[in-house]
């Protein structure tokens, strides 16, 4: 029996169910149990994530601790929620599922039309997001719109959007109601809400978060039996992309308050990587890209990260503290 830890949200459970399905398909003799957690970031859906120690403290640390105690054999993470600027001693990402959609999408309230939004270039619209990366890009794309803090599970956010509900702020106040949300396309597809997508942003408009669309499975570094089982569902191209993208985070020492974006893709033996760092207000951006040997993803990620530092990324990251 393999016990796999996961958050209890609908999206996390759907992702973990996919892991179980792939494992049992690859090894029919294997049985797996999904163990649900409700980490701090899911209990407190008002505060900014730095109150809980960033994404790691909010979504990952409790599940990792259970794994270290031997209560789990493995854990599911959305890779974009796993901090890349710190180590996880004794643990290893043993499998990456094939990458899903990387794009961000606009979800409009049911009584709004996309033509109205586009014609007004967002003027008069309140757009909700919790991601500092999305907020910075949206401020560049729609300077006439109001970008508001908006947290919660995907289905809950959309329900509150349609109900014209106010959203609590970290300082105890309220904001809203929202007219639109910007969310991950892959997440909406996972929970059966793809029909709510009003507009899909290209990566040229909004570069995705590092690791966006990637589901990974973590286990103890010295648990070779579990590692061998998880290797059966590991997607090699996704692994290469993840390694390159996360190396950028490592080089930048980027924290969850900084708008950092990056996306890698494989074309035969060539790995391409684009990355950017923005100011919180979206007024400043440094961005670069490069290509390299797909067999050396970390080398490419290191080169891109160092190039961003040369362009002044550290100042933007420090200003977001």
Protein backbone atom coordinates (compact mmCIF):
# COMPACT_ATOMS: atom_id res chain seq x y z
CA UNK A 1 0.00 0.00 0.00
CA UNK A 2 1.33 3.41 -0.98
CA UNK A 3 -0.05 6.27 1.10
CA UNK A 4 -0.04 9.52 -0.86
CA UNK A 5 -0.58 12.79 0.96
CA UNK A 6 -2.40 15.70 -0.63
CA UNK A 7 -4.35 18.84 0.12
CA UNK A 8 -8.10 18.29 0.50
CA UNK A 9 -9.22 20.79 -2.15
CA UNK A 10 -11.16 19.51 -5.16
CA UNK A 11 -8.27 20.34 -7.47
CA UNK A 12 -5.62 18.61 -5.34
CA UNK A 13 -7.78 15.52 -4.99
CA UNK A 14 -8.31 15.40 -8.76
CA UNK A 15 -4.56 15.66 -9.31
CA UNK A 16 -3.82 12.94 -6.77
CA UNK A 17 -6.49 10.67 -8.23
CA UNK A 18 -4.71 11.02 -11.58
CA UNK A 19 -1.47 9.89 -9.93
CA UNK A 20 -3.20 6.84 -8.46
CA UNK A 21 -4.81 6.00 -11.80
CA UNK A 22 -1.48 6.20 -13.60
CA UNK A 23 0.29 4.14 -10.93
CA UNK A 24 -2.29 1.36 -10.90
CA UNK A 25 -2.33 1.32 -14.70
CA UNK A 26 1.46 0.97 -14.83
CA UNK A 27 1.56 -1.53 -11.94
CA UNK A 28 -1.83 -3.28 -11.53
CA UNK A 29 -0.66 -5.08 -8.40
CA UNK A 30 -0.05 -1.77 -6.61
CA UNK A 31 -2.67 -0.29 -4.30
CA UNK A 32 -2.66 3.32 -3.12
CA UNK A 33 -4.48 5.32 -0.46
CA UNK A 34 -5.06 9.07 -0.67
CA UNK A 35 -4.45 10.81 2.68
CA UNK A 36 -6.05 14.26 2.89
CA UNK A 37 -4.51 17.27 4.62
CA UNK A 38 -5.85 20.77 5.18
CA UNK A 39 -2.68 22.84 5.53
CA UNK A 40 -2.53 26.35 6.92
CA UNK A 41 -2.83 28.01 3.53
CA UNK A 42 -6.17 26.27 2.94
CA UNK A 43 -7.53 26.92 6.44
CA UNK A 44 -6.67 30.64 6.26
CA UNK A 45 -7.88 31.84 2.86
CA UNK A 46 -7.63 35.53 3.71
CA UNK A 47 -4.02 36.25 4.70
CA UNK A 48 -1.17 36.63 2.28
CA UNK A 49 1.01 33.54 2.08
CA UNK A 50 4.06 35.14 3.74
CA UNK A 51 2.16 35.02 7.03
CA UNK A 52 2.55 31.23 6.86
CA UNK A 53 6.15 31.27 5.67
CA UNK A 54 5.36 31.54 1.96
CA UNK A 55 3.98 28.79 -0.23
CA UNK A 56 6.12 26.19 1.54
CA UNK A 57 4.68 26.92 4.96
CA UNK A 58 1.18 27.45 3.62
CA UNK A 59 0.78 24.35 1.46
CA UNK A 60 3.76 21.99 1.66
CA UNK A 61 5.51 21.81 5.03
CA UNK A 62 2.84 19.86 6.97
CA UNK A 63 2.61 17.16 4.31
CA UNK A 64 6.40 16.92 4.10
CA UNK A 65 6.63 16.56 7.86
CA UNK A 66 4.17 13.65 7.79
CA UNK A 67 6.30 12.01 5.10
CA UNK A 68 9.46 12.41 7.16
CA UNK A 69 7.70 10.78 10.11
CA UNK A 70 6.89 7.73 7.97
CA UNK A 71 3.15 8.43 7.91
CA UNK A 72 3.21 8.68 4.10
CA UNK A 73 5.20 7.04 1.32
CA UNK A 74 4.67 9.95 -1.08
CA UNK A 75 3.07 13.36 -1.47
CA UNK A 76 1.46 15.22 -4.36
CA UNK A 77 2.40 18.83 -5.02
CA UNK A 78 1.49 21.35 -7.66
CA UNK A 79 5.05 22.25 -8.57
CA UNK A 80 4.35 25.98 -8.60
CA UNK A 81 3.47 25.72 -4.88
CA UNK A 82 6.75 24.01 -3.94
CA UNK A 83 9.30 26.68 -2.96
CA UNK A 84 12.32 26.68 -5.22
CA UNK A 85 14.57 28.92 -3.14
CA UNK A 86 15.04 26.42 -0.31
CA UNK A 87 16.04 22.79 0.05
CA UNK A 88 13.93 19.91 1.31
CA UNK A 89 16.57 17.70 2.95
CA UNK A 90 15.94 13.98 2.63
CA UNK A 91 13.18 14.35 0.03
CA UNK A 92 13.19 14.10 -3.75
CA UNK A 93 10.75 14.75 -6.59
CA UNK A 94 10.50 11.18 -7.87
CA UNK A 95 7.93 11.71 -10.64
CA UNK A 96 6.55 14.49 -12.79
CA UNK A 97 3.27 13.92 -14.59
CA UNK A 98 3.01 15.11 -18.18
CA UNK A 99 2.59 18.86 -18.11
CA UNK A 100 -0.91 20.26 -18.50
CA UNK A 101 -1.93 23.66 -19.88
CA UNK A 102 0.40 26.47 -18.86
CA UNK A 103 -1.81 29.46 -19.69
CA UNK A 104 -3.60 31.86 -17.40
CA UNK A 105 -7.21 32.68 -18.23
CA UNK A 106 -9.76 35.39 -17.56
CA UNK A 107 -13.00 34.34 -15.86
CA UNK A 108 -15.73 36.96 -16.07
CA UNK A 109 -18.69 37.24 -13.75
CA UNK A 110 -21.75 35.67 -15.35
CA UNK A 111 -23.38 39.04 -16.04
CA UNK A 112 -20.35 40.46 -17.90
CA UNK A 113 -19.43 40.00 -21.57
CA UNK A 114 -15.90 39.57 -22.83
CA UNK A 115 -16.50 42.08 -25.65
CA UNK A 116 -17.40 44.70 -23.05
CA UNK A 117 -14.21 43.94 -21.11
CA UNK A 118 -12.01 44.13 -24.20
CA UNK A 119 -13.67 47.26 -25.62
CA UNK A 120 -13.12 49.06 -22.32
CA UNK A 121 -9.59 47.58 -21.97
CA UNK A 122 -10.54 46.56 -18.45
CA UNK A 123 -11.56 50.08 -17.38
CA UNK A 124 -14.03 49.94 -14.49
CA UNK A 125 -13.43 46.22 -13.89
CA UNK A 126 -12.12 44.78 -10.63
CA UNK A 127 -9.93 41.76 -11.40
CA UNK A 128 -9.18 39.35 -8.57
CA UNK A 129 -6.01 37.33 -8.09
CA UNK A 130 -3.79 36.20 -5.23
CA UNK A 131 -0.67 35.75 -7.38
CA UNK A 132 1.75 38.69 -7.34
CA UNK A 133 2.99 37.57 -10.77
CA UNK A 134 -0.49 37.74 -12.30
CA UNK A 135 -1.20 41.06 -10.56
CA UNK A 136 1.99 42.62 -11.96
CA UNK A 137 1.27 41.46 -15.50
CA UNK A 138 -2.36 42.58 -15.27
CA UNK A 139 -1.29 46.05 -14.19
CA UNK A 140 0.80 46.20 -17.36
CA UNK A 141 -1.95 44.86 -19.62
CA UNK A 142 -4.90 46.71 -18.06
CA UNK A 143 -3.68 49.85 -16.26
CA UNK A 144 -7.26 51.15 -16.09
CA UNK A 145 -8.53 48.10 -14.18
CA UNK A 146 -8.41 47.64 -10.41
CA UNK A 147 -6.47 44.53 -9.34
CA UNK A 148 -7.72 43.16 -6.01
CA UNK A 149 -6.52 40.47 -3.60
CA UNK A 150 -8.60 37.31 -4.07
CA UNK A 151 -7.89 33.89 -2.53
CA UNK A 152 -9.59 30.51 -2.20
CA UNK A 153 -10.10 27.22 -4.00
CA UNK A 154 -10.93 27.54 -7.70
CA UNK A 155 -14.58 26.53 -7.41
CA UNK A 156 -15.08 28.69 -4.32
CA UNK A 157 -13.58 31.75 -6.00
CA UNK A 158 -15.89 31.41 -8.98
CA UNK A 159 -18.94 30.92 -6.77
CA UNK A 160 -18.06 34.08 -4.82
CA UNK A 161 -17.47 35.90 -8.11
CA UNK A 162 -20.96 35.05 -9.36
CA UNK A 163 -22.55 35.87 -6.01
CA UNK A 164 -20.91 39.32 -6.04
CA UNK A 165 -19.49 38.48 -2.64
CA UNK A 166 -16.97 40.70 -0.90
CA UNK A 167 -13.48 39.30 -0.34
CA UNK A 168 -11.74 39.63 3.04
CA UNK A 169 -8.37 41.33 3.07
CA UNK A 170 -5.35 40.37 5.23
CA UNK A 171 -5.82 43.54 7.32
CA UNK A 172 -9.38 42.55 8.21
CA UNK A 173 -11.06 44.80 5.67
CA UNK A 174 -13.01 43.79 2.60
CA UNK A 175 -12.75 44.45 -1.11
CA UNK A 176 -14.96 43.74 -4.08
CA UNK A 177 -17.09 42.42 -5.41
CA UNK A 178 -14.89 41.26 -8.29
CA UNK A 179 -15.93 41.52 -11.91
CA UNK A 180 -13.38 38.99 -13.12
CA UNK A 181 -10.69 36.57 -11.94
CA UNK A 182 -7.45 35.44 -13.51
CA UNK A 183 -6.73 31.77 -12.86
CA UNK A 184 -4.74 28.83 -14.19
CA UNK A 185 -6.29 27.14 -17.21
CA UNK A 186 -5.11 23.73 -16.00
CA UNK A 187 -6.87 24.19 -12.66
CA UNK A 188 -10.21 25.02 -14.25
CA UNK A 189 -9.89 22.04 -16.56
CA UNK A 190 -9.15 19.80 -13.56
CA UNK A 191 -12.31 20.76 -11.67
CA UNK A 192 -14.65 20.79 -14.67
CA UNK A 193 -14.96 24.56 -15.00
CA UNK A 194 -13.25 25.07 -18.35
CA UNK A 195 -16.51 26.45 -19.75
CA UNK A 196 -16.03 29.55 -17.54
CA UNK A 197 -12.92 30.66 -19.42
CA UNK A 198 -13.66 33.97 -21.16
CA UNK A 199 -10.17 34.63 -22.51
CA UNK A 200 -6.90 32.71 -22.66
CA UNK A 201 -3.73 34.77 -22.24
CA UNK A 202 -0.73 33.86 -24.34
CA UNK A 203 2.64 33.42 -22.65
CA UNK A 204 3.70 36.63 -24.42
CA UNK A 205 0.95 38.45 -22.50
CA UNK A 206 1.37 36.69 -19.14
CA UNK A 207 4.36 34.38 -18.76
CA UNK A 208 3.31 31.48 -16.51
CA UNK A 209 4.56 30.75 -13.03
CA UNK A 210 7.56 28.50 -12.78
CA UNK A 211 6.20 24.96 -12.62
CA UNK A 212 2.67 25.96 -13.70
CA UNK A 213 0.69 23.01 -15.00
CA UNK A 214 3.07 20.45 -13.48
CA UNK A 215 2.01 17.87 -10.90
CA UNK A 216 4.89 16.22 -9.08
CA UNK A 217 5.18 13.37 -6.58
CA UNK A 218 7.69 13.63 -3.76
CA UNK A 219 9.06 10.87 -1.56
CA UNK A 220 11.94 10.13 0.81
CA UNK A 221 15.29 10.23 -0.94
CA UNK A 222 16.37 6.86 0.49
CA UNK A 223 13.04 5.07 -0.17
CA UNK A 224 14.22 3.24 -3.27
CA UNK A 225 11.16 1.02 -3.51
CA UNK A 226 8.80 4.01 -3.73
CA UNK A 227 11.15 5.82 -6.09
CA UNK A 228 11.16 2.81 -8.42
CA UNK A 229 7.37 2.69 -8.42
CA UNK A 230 7.03 6.42 -9.09
CA UNK A 231 9.57 6.22 -11.91
CA UNK A 232 6.92 4.28 -13.85
CA UNK A 233 4.84 7.44 -14.27
CA UNK A 234 7.65 9.98 -14.67
CA UNK A 235 7.42 12.13 -17.81
CA UNK A 236 10.99 12.84 -18.93
CA UNK A 237 10.27 16.01 -20.93
CA UNK A 238 8.33 17.54 -18.05
CA UNK A 239 11.19 16.68 -15.69
CA UNK A 240 13.67 18.51 -17.92
CA UNK A 241 11.46 21.60 -18.08
CA UNK A 242 10.89 21.57 -14.32
CA UNK A 243 14.60 21.31 -13.58
CA UNK A 244 15.45 24.22 -15.86
CA UNK A 245 12.69 26.46 -14.53
CA UNK A 246 13.39 25.76 -10.87
CA UNK A 247 17.10 26.40 -11.33
CA UNK A 248 16.12 29.97 -12.22
CA UNK A 249 14.33 30.28 -8.86
CA UNK A 250 17.37 28.87 -7.08
CA UNK A 251 19.77 31.32 -8.76
CA UNK A 252 17.48 34.27 -8.10
CA UNK A 253 16.79 33.16 -4.52
CA UNK A 254 13.25 34.15 -5.39
CA UNK A 255 10.56 34.25 -2.73
CA UNK A 256 6.78 34.02 -3.08
CA UNK A 257 6.31 37.80 -2.76
CA UNK A 258 8.30 38.48 -5.92
CA UNK A 259 6.65 38.38 -9.38
CA UNK A 260 8.84 35.76 -11.08
CA UNK A 261 7.78 33.85 -14.19
CA UNK A 262 9.36 31.21 -16.39
CA UNK A 263 8.57 28.55 -18.93
CA UNK A 264 10.69 25.87 -20.60
CA UNK A 265 9.84 23.67 -23.57
CA UNK A 266 11.58 20.76 -25.27
CA UNK A 267 12.02 20.46 -29.03
CA UNK A 268 13.99 17.31 -29.79
CA UNK A 269 17.42 17.75 -28.23
CA UNK A 270 16.89 21.47 -27.63
CA UNK A 271 15.52 23.00 -24.45
CA UNK A 272 14.22 26.57 -24.58
CA UNK A 273 13.64 28.72 -21.52
CA UNK A 274 12.12 32.18 -21.07
CA UNK A 275 11.95 33.92 -17.71
CA UNK A 276 11.12 37.31 -16.25
CA UNK A 277 11.01 39.29 -13.03
CA UNK A 278 8.65 42.23 -12.49
CA UNK A 279 8.10 44.95 -9.94
CA UNK A 280 4.95 44.58 -7.89
CA UNK A 281 3.31 47.49 -9.69
CA UNK A 282 4.18 45.99 -13.08
CA UNK A 283 6.00 49.12 -14.22
CA UNK A 284 9.42 47.48 -14.39
CA UNK A 285 10.29 44.16 -15.99
CA UNK A 286 13.47 42.30 -16.85
CA UNK A 287 13.14 39.32 -19.15
CA UNK A 288 15.40 37.04 -21.13
CA UNK A 289 15.47 33.68 -22.84
CA UNK A 290 17.96 31.13 -24.11
CA UNK A 291 18.22 27.67 -25.63
CA UNK A 292 20.53 24.81 -24.75
CA UNK A 293 21.11 21.09 -24.72
CA UNK A 294 18.06 19.32 -23.31
CA UNK A 295 20.36 16.91 -21.48
CA UNK A 296 21.65 19.80 -19.31
CA UNK A 297 18.55 21.59 -18.01
CA UNK A 298 20.12 23.03 -14.87
CA UNK A 299 22.92 24.54 -16.93
CA UNK A 300 20.36 26.39 -19.03
CA UNK A 301 18.38 27.49 -15.98
CA UNK A 302 21.55 28.77 -14.35
CA UNK A 303 22.48 30.78 -17.44
CA UNK A 304 19.04 32.38 -17.66
CA UNK A 305 18.96 33.12 -13.94
CA UNK A 306 22.38 34.77 -14.05
CA UNK A 307 21.33 36.79 -17.10
CA UNK A 308 18.29 38.09 -15.16
CA UNK A 309 20.57 39.10 -12.29
CA UNK A 310 22.77 41.00 -14.73
CA UNK A 311 19.65 42.85 -15.91
CA UNK A 312 18.77 43.96 -12.38
CA UNK A 313 16.41 41.23 -11.15
CA UNK A 314 17.79 41.38 -7.59
CA UNK A 315 16.58 44.96 -7.13
CA UNK A 316 13.06 44.00 -8.20
CA UNK A 317 13.05 40.95 -5.93
CA UNK A 318 14.37 42.93 -2.96
CA UNK A 319 11.77 45.65 -3.49
CA UNK A 320 9.03 43.03 -3.18
CA UNK A 321 10.09 41.93 0.32
